[in-house]
């Protein structure tokens, strides 16, 4: 006996297949329209997890590319500034060489004015910004790294204070790569390293060796204090001796030669260190007696011993100062005296054993000046503000050339380092681009619609749906007799 299929069964099957083919049709249409094989995790759980993982990786790579781009722009800006520094140093050296050959002060002053302009440009580079951050402040890039002030001492150095960080700021790319972006300006523009101290002058002072702490340049002021004379001759210090005597030295370093031409001490001649004799009388209380090389003493000859003819040993004391006289120390005529600046606490070691006259000697501390101070000193030396002799003037400018070369070397070193970093980041950017393209390709392979397959499934679903509708319509039109058969 054949089993009968009820109308309810036909209806249930019709609904089922209609729903199935409609769903497949809609899925194919959505895939074709959106270009995506799936959008919800429930559609393809495994593939969805793969896509999400790849999308996360893509976001990470995109962030790395943004960081690389920002760091590249920062370093490009810095390298551009260094190129400007290199050019201004080269121009400064050319001006110094012209100054060495210049014949008059007007030409030298004009050259110094050009150096002043280059110094102003260098200051602007020192506080240069990019994206509102200071390029040479290290990790403290939110404030100006340098402040500038006028020298506090006569013929002193430009006041430069570094306010930035001594640590470079780094940009991190990924988990293991770090690139220096904001550099420590004190190392870029700072001194090359302390060298032997240079002392230029006529007082007889020399550098005492050891390690000094004063930087840049300073003036060693050698001043007279008092003069006394060995007994027996009757000669005394004149009324203007304290302020006017220019000799210094322990007993016997200088001598007077007295000749009593009158026989009773009332008249005669006096000479200093064998220089031209000067007539005296017993009424002179402030007799000026010059010696060689600008040396002179003031004497009181009112008590010259009768009939004295001979030499008299002189003892002349004085003081040393490197802070324009704000503080002084007595000269002890030893091989090692520490002379300090009362404000900074920095010092220089002086050999005072051969100091024989007063005056201002020039001290230089090569390798301790930063680029800004070197340019300032270069302009001052072109103007010969220290009143150096022609020979010493040329030597001083040659020392400035050396310091400019050292400054250029430091700038070139950092510029080379940053150029290497730029090359590294360019390679990294190419690599990131390749990885991003690969990730996009993988996402496309997993998630993108296979259009030929989707169109085929769409057509199949449409055909099957139409067939289902046709069969259902045919079944619903069966009469009673056809059904009973």
Protein backbone atom coordinates (compact mmCIF):
# COMPACT_ATOMS: atom_id res chain seq x y z
CA UNK A 1 0.00 0.00 0.00
CA UNK A 2 1.52 3.38 -1.08
CA UNK A 3 1.93 6.09 1.61
CA UNK A 4 0.08 9.29 0.88
CA UNK A 5 1.81 12.68 1.09
CA UNK A 6 -0.47 15.14 2.74
CA UNK A 7 -0.93 18.75 1.66
CA UNK A 8 0.60 19.84 4.92
CA UNK A 9 3.83 18.10 3.96
CA UNK A 10 3.81 19.81 0.56
CA UNK A 11 3.29 23.18 2.22
CA UNK A 12 6.03 22.63 4.77
CA UNK A 13 8.52 21.59 2.08
CA UNK A 14 7.55 24.51 -0.10
CA UNK A 15 8.14 26.96 2.72
CA UNK A 16 11.46 25.33 3.61
CA UNK A 17 12.92 25.36 0.11
CA UNK A 18 11.58 28.83 -0.62
CA UNK A 19 13.27 30.15 2.51
CA UNK A 20 16.50 28.26 1.76
CA UNK A 21 16.85 29.47 -1.80
CA UNK A 22 15.77 33.03 -0.89
CA UNK A 23 18.42 33.12 1.83
CA UNK A 24 21.10 31.89 -0.55
CA UNK A 25 19.94 34.38 -3.16
CA UNK A 26 20.10 37.28 -0.69
CA UNK A 27 23.53 36.15 0.51
CA UNK A 28 24.88 36.09 -3.03
CA UNK A 29 23.32 39.50 -3.75
CA UNK A 30 24.85 41.00 -0.59
CA UNK A 31 28.28 39.55 -1.40
CA UNK A 32 28.14 40.98 -4.90
CA UNK A 33 26.91 44.39 -3.69
CA UNK A 34 29.33 44.79 -0.73
CA UNK A 35 32.28 42.96 -2.24
CA UNK A 36 32.62 41.00 1.03
CA UNK A 37 32.08 37.31 1.50
CA UNK A 38 30.94 37.83 5.10
CA UNK A 39 30.32 40.64 7.55
CA UNK A 40 29.25 38.93 10.75
CA UNK A 41 31.28 36.52 12.90
CA UNK A 42 28.46 34.02 12.73
CA UNK A 43 28.74 33.77 8.97
CA UNK A 44 32.38 32.56 8.90
CA UNK A 45 33.74 32.29 12.48
CA UNK A 46 37.24 31.06 11.58
CA UNK A 47 37.71 33.40 8.63
CA UNK A 48 36.30 36.30 10.65
CA UNK A 49 38.96 35.77 13.34
CA UNK A 50 41.66 35.67 10.68
CA UNK A 51 40.43 38.93 9.15
CA UNK A 52 40.21 40.67 12.52
CA UNK A 53 43.77 39.61 13.32
CA UNK A 54 44.98 40.91 9.96
CA UNK A 55 43.07 44.18 10.41
CA UNK A 56 44.71 44.67 13.81
CA UNK A 57 48.10 44.09 12.23
CA UNK A 58 47.25 46.58 9.49
CA UNK A 59 46.35 49.23 12.07
CA UNK A 60 49.68 48.62 13.83
CA UNK A 61 51.58 48.96 10.56
CA UNK A 62 49.69 52.13 9.70
CA UNK A 63 50.58 53.57 13.11
CA UNK A 64 54.23 52.64 12.51
CA UNK A 65 54.14 54.41 9.16
CA UNK A 66 52.69 57.53 10.79
CA UNK A 67 55.44 57.48 13.43
CA UNK A 68 58.10 56.98 10.75
CA UNK A 69 56.69 59.88 8.76
CA UNK A 70 56.69 62.17 11.79
CA UNK A 71 60.23 61.21 12.80
CA UNK A 72 61.43 61.60 9.21
CA UNK A 73 59.98 65.10 9.00
CA UNK A 74 61.61 66.06 12.31
CA UNK A 75 65.04 64.79 11.30
CA UNK A 76 64.77 66.39 7.86
CA UNK A 77 64.07 69.72 9.57
CA UNK A 78 67.07 69.21 11.84
CA UNK A 79 69.41 68.26 9.00
CA UNK A 80 68.28 71.37 7.13
CA UNK A 81 69.24 73.49 10.16
CA UNK A 82 72.63 71.77 10.33
CA UNK A 83 73.25 72.59 6.70
CA UNK A 84 72.64 76.25 7.56
CA UNK A 85 75.06 75.96 10.50
CA UNK A 86 77.69 74.43 8.24
CA UNK A 87 77.32 77.28 5.77
CA UNK A 88 77.58 79.99 8.42
CA UNK A 89 80.69 78.36 9.93
CA UNK A 90 82.29 78.23 6.49
CA UNK A 91 81.45 81.88 5.91
CA UNK A 92 82.81 82.78 9.37
CA UNK A 93 86.12 81.08 8.56
CA UNK A 94 86.37 83.03 5.32
CA UNK A 95 85.78 86.27 7.20
CA UNK A 96 88.45 85.38 9.78
CA UNK A 97 90.96 84.67 7.02
CA UNK A 98 90.16 88.05 5.50
CA UNK A 99 90.62 89.60 8.94
CA UNK A 100 94.10 88.12 9.30
CA UNK A 101 95.09 89.81 6.04
CA UNK A 102 93.17 93.06 6.64
CA UNK A 103 95.31 96.19 6.78
CA UNK A 104 93.17 98.59 8.79
CA UNK A 105 90.69 98.60 11.66
CA UNK A 106 87.77 99.79 9.53
CA UNK A 107 87.96 96.68 7.37
CA UNK A 108 88.25 94.46 10.44
CA UNK A 109 85.29 96.14 12.10
CA UNK A 110 83.21 95.55 8.98
CA UNK A 111 84.15 91.86 9.06
CA UNK A 112 83.24 91.71 12.75
CA UNK A 113 79.81 93.15 11.96
CA UNK A 114 79.24 90.32 9.50
CA UNK A 115 80.21 87.82 12.21
CA UNK A 116 77.65 89.48 14.50
CA UNK A 117 74.95 88.75 11.93
CA UNK A 118 76.07 85.12 11.67
CA UNK A 119 75.95 84.85 15.47
CA UNK A 120 72.35 86.09 15.43
CA UNK A 121 71.55 83.43 12.82
CA UNK A 122 73.24 80.74 14.92
CA UNK A 123 71.17 81.75 17.95
CA UNK A 124 67.97 81.30 15.94
CA UNK A 125 69.11 77.86 14.84
CA UNK A 126 69.86 76.92 18.44
CA UNK A 127 66.23 77.56 19.38
CA UNK A 128 64.72 76.30 16.11
CA UNK A 129 61.31 74.60 16.31
CA UNK A 130 59.46 71.99 14.29
CA UNK A 131 55.81 71.17 14.94
CA UNK A 132 55.99 73.49 17.97
CA UNK A 133 58.80 71.43 19.53
CA UNK A 134 62.38 72.66 19.96
CA UNK A 135 64.75 70.53 17.91
CA UNK A 136 67.73 70.76 20.25
CA UNK A 137 66.22 70.49 23.72
CA UNK A 138 66.44 66.71 24.07
CA UNK A 139 63.53 65.25 26.03
CA UNK A 140 62.67 68.78 27.21
CA UNK A 141 61.55 69.96 23.79
CA UNK A 142 58.67 72.11 25.03
CA UNK A 143 60.82 75.08 26.06
CA UNK A 144 63.67 77.06 24.47
CA UNK A 145 66.90 75.09 24.98
CA UNK A 146 69.20 78.13 25.05
CA UNK A 147 69.10 81.55 26.66
CA UNK A 148 71.61 84.25 25.77
CA UNK A 149 72.99 87.23 27.68
CA UNK A 150 75.75 89.78 27.33
CA UNK A 151 79.18 89.09 28.91
CA UNK A 152 79.32 89.91 32.62
CA UNK A 153 83.08 90.55 32.53
CA UNK A 154 85.15 92.91 30.44
CA UNK A 155 86.39 91.00 27.39
CA UNK A 156 84.54 87.99 28.76
CA UNK A 157 82.51 85.32 27.01
CA UNK A 158 78.93 85.53 25.81
CA UNK A 159 76.59 84.24 28.50
CA UNK A 160 74.89 81.10 27.19
CA UNK A 161 72.71 78.88 29.36
CA UNK A 162 71.40 75.49 28.23
CA UNK A 163 67.90 74.83 29.59
CA UNK A 164 67.19 71.63 27.69
CA UNK A 165 67.69 68.01 28.64
CA UNK A 166 70.99 66.16 28.42
CA UNK A 167 69.09 63.12 27.14
CA UNK A 168 67.90 62.66 23.58
CA UNK A 169 64.23 62.18 22.86
CA UNK A 170 63.46 58.95 21.04
CA UNK A 171 60.70 57.83 18.71
CA UNK A 172 59.73 54.17 19.12
CA UNK A 173 58.78 52.21 16.02
CA UNK A 174 57.22 48.88 16.77
CA UNK A 175 58.38 46.99 19.83
CA UNK A 176 62.14 47.00 19.38
CA UNK A 177 63.27 49.95 17.25
CA UNK A 178 64.08 53.42 18.64
CA UNK A 179 65.21 56.45 16.64
CA UNK A 180 66.71 59.59 18.22
CA UNK A 181 64.76 62.64 17.05
CA UNK A 182 65.26 65.58 19.44
CA UNK A 183 68.96 65.93 20.27
CA UNK A 184 70.88 67.41 23.21
CA UNK A 185 71.87 70.88 21.98
CA UNK A 186 74.63 71.27 24.56
CA UNK A 187 76.56 68.45 22.90
CA UNK A 188 75.88 69.59 19.34
CA UNK A 189 76.89 73.21 19.83
CA UNK A 190 79.10 72.75 22.92
CA UNK A 191 82.88 72.89 23.23
CA UNK A 192 85.13 70.25 21.75
CA UNK A 193 86.86 69.49 25.04
CA UNK A 194 89.30 71.43 27.23
CA UNK A 195 92.79 71.94 25.86
CA UNK A 196 95.86 73.67 27.28
CA UNK A 197 95.21 77.14 28.67
CA UNK A 198 96.61 80.05 26.68
CA UNK A 199 97.95 83.13 28.50
CA UNK A 200 98.92 86.20 26.51
CA UNK A 201 100.40 89.27 28.17
CA UNK A 202 103.43 91.18 29.38
CA UNK A 203 103.24 90.88 33.17
CA UNK A 204 105.39 87.75 33.35
CA UNK A 205 102.52 85.54 34.50
CA UNK A 206 102.36 82.02 33.09
CA UNK A 207 99.90 79.20 33.26
CA UNK A 208 100.59 77.09 36.33
CA UNK A 209 99.54 73.74 34.87
CA UNK A 210 96.82 71.50 36.20
CA UNK A 211 93.19 71.44 35.13
CA UNK A 212 91.41 74.78 35.14
CA UNK A 213 87.65 75.20 35.40
CA UNK A 214 87.21 78.67 33.90
CA UNK A 215 85.72 78.53 30.42
CA UNK A 216 85.94 80.61 27.28
CA UNK A 217 88.19 83.52 28.09
CA UNK A 218 89.01 85.83 30.98
CA UNK A 219 91.25 88.75 31.87
CA UNK A 220 94.00 88.21 34.43
CA UNK A 221 94.28 91.56 36.16
CA UNK A 222 97.70 92.05 37.80
CA UNK A 223 97.68 95.08 40.10
CA UNK A 224 100.22 96.80 42.30
CA UNK A 225 99.77 97.01 46.05
CA UNK A 226 102.86 98.45 47.75
CA UNK A 227 106.58 99.03 47.15
CA UNK A 228 109.36 98.99 49.73
CA UNK A 229 113.13 99.48 49.51
CA UNK A 230 116.04 97.85 51.28
CA UNK A 231 117.47 100.00 54.09
CA UNK A 232 120.60 102.12 54.00
CA UNK A 233 119.85 104.40 51.08
CA UNK A 234 117.10 106.47 52.63
CA UNK A 235 114.88 106.23 49.53
CA UNK A 236 111.18 105.79 50.22
CA UNK A 237 107.98 105.16 48.25
CA UNK A 238 106.55 108.33 46.75
CA UNK A 239 103.07 109.68 47.39
CA UNK A 240 101.75 108.17 44.16
CA UNK A 241 103.55 104.85 44.61
CA UNK A 242 100.53 102.68 45.50
CA UNK A 243 98.51 103.78 42.49
CA UNK A 244 101.32 104.54 40.03
CA UNK A 245 104.06 101.93 40.44
CA UNK A 246 104.00 99.29 37.72
CA UNK A 247 106.73 96.95 38.95
CA UNK A 248 106.12 93.75 40.89
CA UNK A 249 108.43 91.14 42.33
CA UNK A 250 110.13 89.77 45.42
CA UNK A 251 113.18 91.43 46.97
CA UNK A 252 115.93 91.83 44.40
CA UNK A 253 113.75 91.27 41.35
CA UNK A 254 114.08 95.00 40.65
CA UNK A 255 116.81 97.40 41.68
CA UNK A 256 117.44 101.11 41.95
CA UNK A 257 120.86 102.54 41.25
CA UNK A 258 121.49 105.73 43.24
CA UNK A 259 124.37 108.12 42.61
CA UNK A 260 124.77 110.98 45.12
CA UNK A 261 126.44 113.61 42.99
CA UNK A 262 126.19 116.25 45.74
CA UNK A 263 127.94 114.18 48.39
CA UNK A 264 125.35 115.14 51.00
CA UNK A 265 122.26 113.42 49.59
CA UNK A 266 120.68 116.61 48.34
CA UNK A 267 121.02 115.81 44.63
CA UNK A 268 122.02 113.05 42.27
CA UNK A 269 120.59 110.51 39.86
CA UNK A 270 118.45 107.40 40.18
CA UNK A 271 117.81 104.71 37.60
CA UNK A 272 115.45 101.72 37.59
CA UNK A 273 116.88 98.38 36.44
CA UNK A 274 119.68 100.06 34.50
CA UNK A 275 117.46 102.39 32.52
CA UNK A 276 118.17 106.05 31.84
CA UNK A 277 119.09 107.86 35.12
CA UNK A 278 116.69 110.48 36.42
CA UNK A 279 117.94 113.53 38.41
CA UNK A 280 116.63 113.85 41.96
CA UNK A 281 116.79 116.38 44.75
CA UNK A 282 116.03 116.22 48.44
CA UNK A 283 112.75 118.06 47.81
CA UNK A 284 111.15 115.37 45.62
CA UNK A 285 108.32 113.51 47.34
CA UNK A 286 106.82 111.91 44.21
CA UNK A 287 109.63 111.52 41.68
CA UNK A 288 108.71 109.40 38.66
CA UNK A 289 111.52 107.06 37.62
CA UNK A 290 110.78 105.09 34.42
CA UNK A 291 112.40 101.82 33.49
CA UNK A 292 112.20 99.55 30.47
CA UNK A 293 108.97 98.26 28.88
CA UNK A 294 106.66 100.69 30.64
CA UNK A 295 107.92 99.98 34.15
CA UNK A 296 108.01 102.90 36.56
CA UNK A 297 108.17 103.78 40.24
CA UNK A 298 107.38 106.90 42.24
CA UNK A 299 109.98 107.83 44.87
CA UNK A 300 110.42 110.07 47.88
CA UNK A 301 114.05 111.26 47.81
CA UNK A 302 113.90 113.72 50.69
CA UNK A 303 115.97 111.44 52.95
CA UNK A 304 118.71 110.04 50.71
CA UNK A 305 121.72 109.12 52.85
CA UNK A 306 124.70 111.40 52.41
CA UNK A 307 127.25 110.00 50.02
CA UNK A 308 125.20 106.89 49.15
CA UNK A 309 126.21 105.38 45.85
CA UNK A 310 125.00 101.90 45.01
CA UNK A 311 122.05 99.63 44.32
CA UNK A 312 118.90 99.16 46.34
CA UNK A 313 116.80 95.99 46.22
CA UNK A 314 113.09 96.58 45.68
CA UNK A 315 110.19 94.53 47.02
CA UNK A 316 106.87 95.19 45.27
CA UNK A 317 103.68 93.36 46.18
CA UNK A 318 100.47 93.04 44.19
CA UNK A 319 97.24 91.14 43.60
CA UNK A 320 95.66 88.87 41.01
CA UNK A 321 92.06 88.85 39.83
CA UNK A 322 90.03 87.17 37.06
CA UNK A 323 86.69 88.82 37.84
CA UNK A 324 87.41 92.47 37.04
CA UNK A 325 88.64 93.06 40.59
CA UNK A 326 85.50 91.77 42.31
CA UNK A 327 87.86 89.52 44.27
CA UNK A 328 91.65 89.51 44.54
CA UNK A 329 94.39 87.36 46.02
CA UNK A 330 97.92 88.50 46.97
CA UNK A 331 100.69 87.52 44.61
CA UNK A 332 102.98 85.07 46.39
CA UNK A 333 105.39 84.67 43.46
CA UNK A 334 104.99 80.89 43.49
CA UNK A 335 104.64 78.40 40.65
CA UNK A 336 101.00 77.59 41.41
CA UNK A 337 98.32 80.02 42.54
CA UNK A 338 94.59 79.39 42.17
CA UNK A 339 92.74 82.51 41.06
CA UNK A 340 88.94 82.18 41.20
CA UNK A 341 85.96 84.05 39.82
CA UNK A 342 83.86 85.04 42.82
CA UNK A 343 80.56 84.62 40.96
CA UNK A 344 81.03 81.32 39.13
CA UNK A 345 83.52 79.71 41.51
CA UNK A 346 85.60 78.64 38.52
CA UNK A 347 89.37 79.04 38.71
CA UNK A 348 92.64 79.10 36.80
CA UNK A 349 96.11 78.11 38.01
CA UNK A 350 98.73 80.83 37.60
CA UNK A 351 102.51 80.61 37.86
CA UNK A 352 103.30 83.99 39.44
CA UNK A 353 106.99 83.35 40.09
CA UNK A 354 108.11 85.61 37.24
CA UNK A 355 105.52 88.37 37.45
CA UNK A 356 107.45 91.61 37.19
CA UNK A 357 104.93 94.25 36.13
CA UNK A 358 101.29 95.20 36.35
CA UNK A 359 98.81 94.88 33.53
CA UNK A 360 95.95 92.89 32.07
CA UNK A 361 96.84 89.52 30.57
CA UNK A 362 94.43 87.59 28.36
CA UNK A 363 93.44 84.06 29.28
CA UNK A 364 91.88 81.65 26.82
CA UNK A 365 90.56 78.18 27.55
CA UNK A 366 90.42 76.47 24.15
CA UNK A 367 87.79 73.80 23.65
CA UNK A 368 85.47 75.10 26.38
CA UNK A 369 83.44 77.60 24.36
CA UNK A 370 80.26 76.64 22.55
CA UNK A 371 79.61 77.70 18.96
CA UNK A 372 77.80 80.88 20.00
CA UNK A 373 80.67 81.93 22.28
CA UNK A 374 83.23 81.13 19.59
CA UNK A 375 81.42 83.39 17.12
CA UNK A 376 81.13 86.14 19.74
CA UNK A 377 84.85 85.83 20.54
CA UNK A 378 85.68 85.86 16.83
CA UNK A 379 83.89 89.18 16.36
CA UNK A 380 85.64 90.60 19.45
CA UNK A 381 89.05 89.48 18.20
CA UNK A 382 88.43 90.95 14.75
CA UNK A 383 87.80 94.25 16.54
CA UNK A 384 90.91 93.55 18.66
CA UNK A 385 89.01 94.47 21.80
CA UNK A 386 91.84 93.05 23.93
CA UNK A 387 94.37 95.33 22.19
CA UNK A 388 96.71 92.50 21.27
CA UNK A 389 99.93 93.04 19.37
CA UNK A 390 99.95 92.30 15.66
CA UNK A 391 101.60 88.94 16.20
CA UNK A 392 99.23 87.92 19.00
CA UNK A 393 96.27 89.24 17.01
CA UNK A 394 97.07 86.84 14.18
CA UNK A 395 97.59 83.95 16.60
CA UNK A 396 94.27 84.65 18.29
CA UNK A 397 92.40 84.59 14.98
CA UNK A 398 94.13 81.34 14.05
CA UNK A 399 92.86 79.86 17.32
CA UNK A 400 89.35 80.99 16.37
CA UNK A 401 89.75 79.18 13.06
CA UNK A 402 90.65 76.02 14.93
CA UNK A 403 87.61 76.36 17.18
CA UNK A 404 85.35 76.94 14.18
CA UNK A 405 86.76 73.79 12.57
CA UNK A 406 86.03 71.86 15.76
CA UNK A 407 82.48 73.22 15.87
CA UNK A 408 81.93 72.22 12.25
CA UNK A 409 83.24 68.74 12.98
CA UNK A 410 80.70 68.27 15.78
CA UNK A 411 77.85 69.47 13.59
CA UNK A 412 78.93 67.20 10.72
CA UNK A 413 79.08 64.25 13.10
CA UNK A 414 75.50 64.72 14.28
CA UNK A 415 74.29 65.52 10.76
CA UNK A 416 75.82 62.25 9.57
CA UNK A 417 74.15 60.40 12.41
CA UNK A 418 70.77 61.88 11.56
CA UNK A 419 71.25 61.19 7.85
CA UNK A 420 71.91 57.55 8.71
CA UNK A 421 68.74 57.48 10.78
CA UNK A 422 66.82 58.95 7.83
CA UNK A 423 68.17 56.25 5.54
CA UNK A 424 67.19 53.59 8.06
CA UNK A 425 63.68 54.98 8.35
CA UNK A 426 63.32 55.14 4.58
CA UNK A 427 64.15 51.44 4.41
CA UNK A 428 61.72 50.77 7.24
CA UNK A 429 58.99 52.75 5.49
CA UNK A 430 59.45 50.68 2.33
CA UNK A 431 59.23 47.53 4.42
CA UNK A 432 56.10 48.74 6.21
CA UNK A 433 54.50 49.59 2.86
CA UNK A 434 55.24 46.07 1.62
CA UNK A 435 53.79 44.54 4.78
CA UNK A 436 50.67 46.70 4.58
CA UNK A 437 50.16 45.65 0.97
CA UNK A 438 50.63 42.01 1.95
CA UNK A 439 48.12 42.30 4.80
CA UNK A 440 45.60 44.00 2.52
CA UNK A 441 46.07 41.21 0.00
CA UNK A 442 45.56 38.55 2.67
CA UNK A 443 42.41 40.26 3.92
CA UNK A 444 41.13 40.43 0.36
CA UNK A 445 41.82 36.77 -0.25
CA UNK A 446 39.90 35.79 2.87
CA UNK A 447 37.07 38.33 2.90
CA UNK A 448 36.64 39.64 -0.63
CA UNK A 449 33.86 38.22 -2.76
CA UNK A 450 34.72 35.72 -5.50
CA UNK A 451 32.49 37.40 -8.06
CA UNK A 452 32.31 34.57 -10.66
CA UNK A 453 31.36 32.10 -7.93
CA UNK A 454 28.90 34.56 -6.35
CA UNK A 455 27.19 35.22 -9.71
CA UNK A 456 26.93 31.48 -10.36
CA UNK A 457 25.40 30.90 -6.93
CA UNK A 458 23.04 33.83 -7.49
CA UNK A 459 21.81 32.37 -10.76
CA UNK A 460 21.49 28.89 -9.26
CA UNK A 461 19.55 30.25 -6.30
CA UNK A 462 17.25 32.22 -8.61
CA UNK A 463 16.63 29.12 -10.77
CA UNK A 464 15.94 26.88 -7.78
CA UNK A 465 13.69 29.51 -6.21
CA UNK A 466 11.70 29.85 -9.42
CA UNK A 467 11.49 26.07 -9.69
CA UNK A 468 10.24 25.87 -6.11
CA UNK A 469 7.59 28.49 -6.85
CA UNK A 470 6.53 26.58 -9.98
CA UNK A 471 6.29 23.21 -8.23
CA UNK A 472 4.43 24.73 -5.33
CA UNK A 473 1.96 26.41 -7.66
CA UNK A 474 1.42 23.16 -9.56
CA UNK A 475 0.84 21.20 -6.38
CA UNK A 476 -1.60 23.75 -5.08
CA UNK A 477 -3.63 23.44 -8.31
CA UNK A 478 -4.27 19.64 -8.01
CA UNK A 479 -7.92 18.61 -8.04
CA UNK A 480 -9.50 15.96 -5.83
CA UNK A 481 -9.42 13.26 -8.48
CA UNK A 482 -5.74 13.97 -9.30
CA UNK A 483 -4.88 13.92 -5.66
CA UNK A 484 -6.71 10.58 -5.13
CA UNK A 485 -4.76 9.01 -7.96
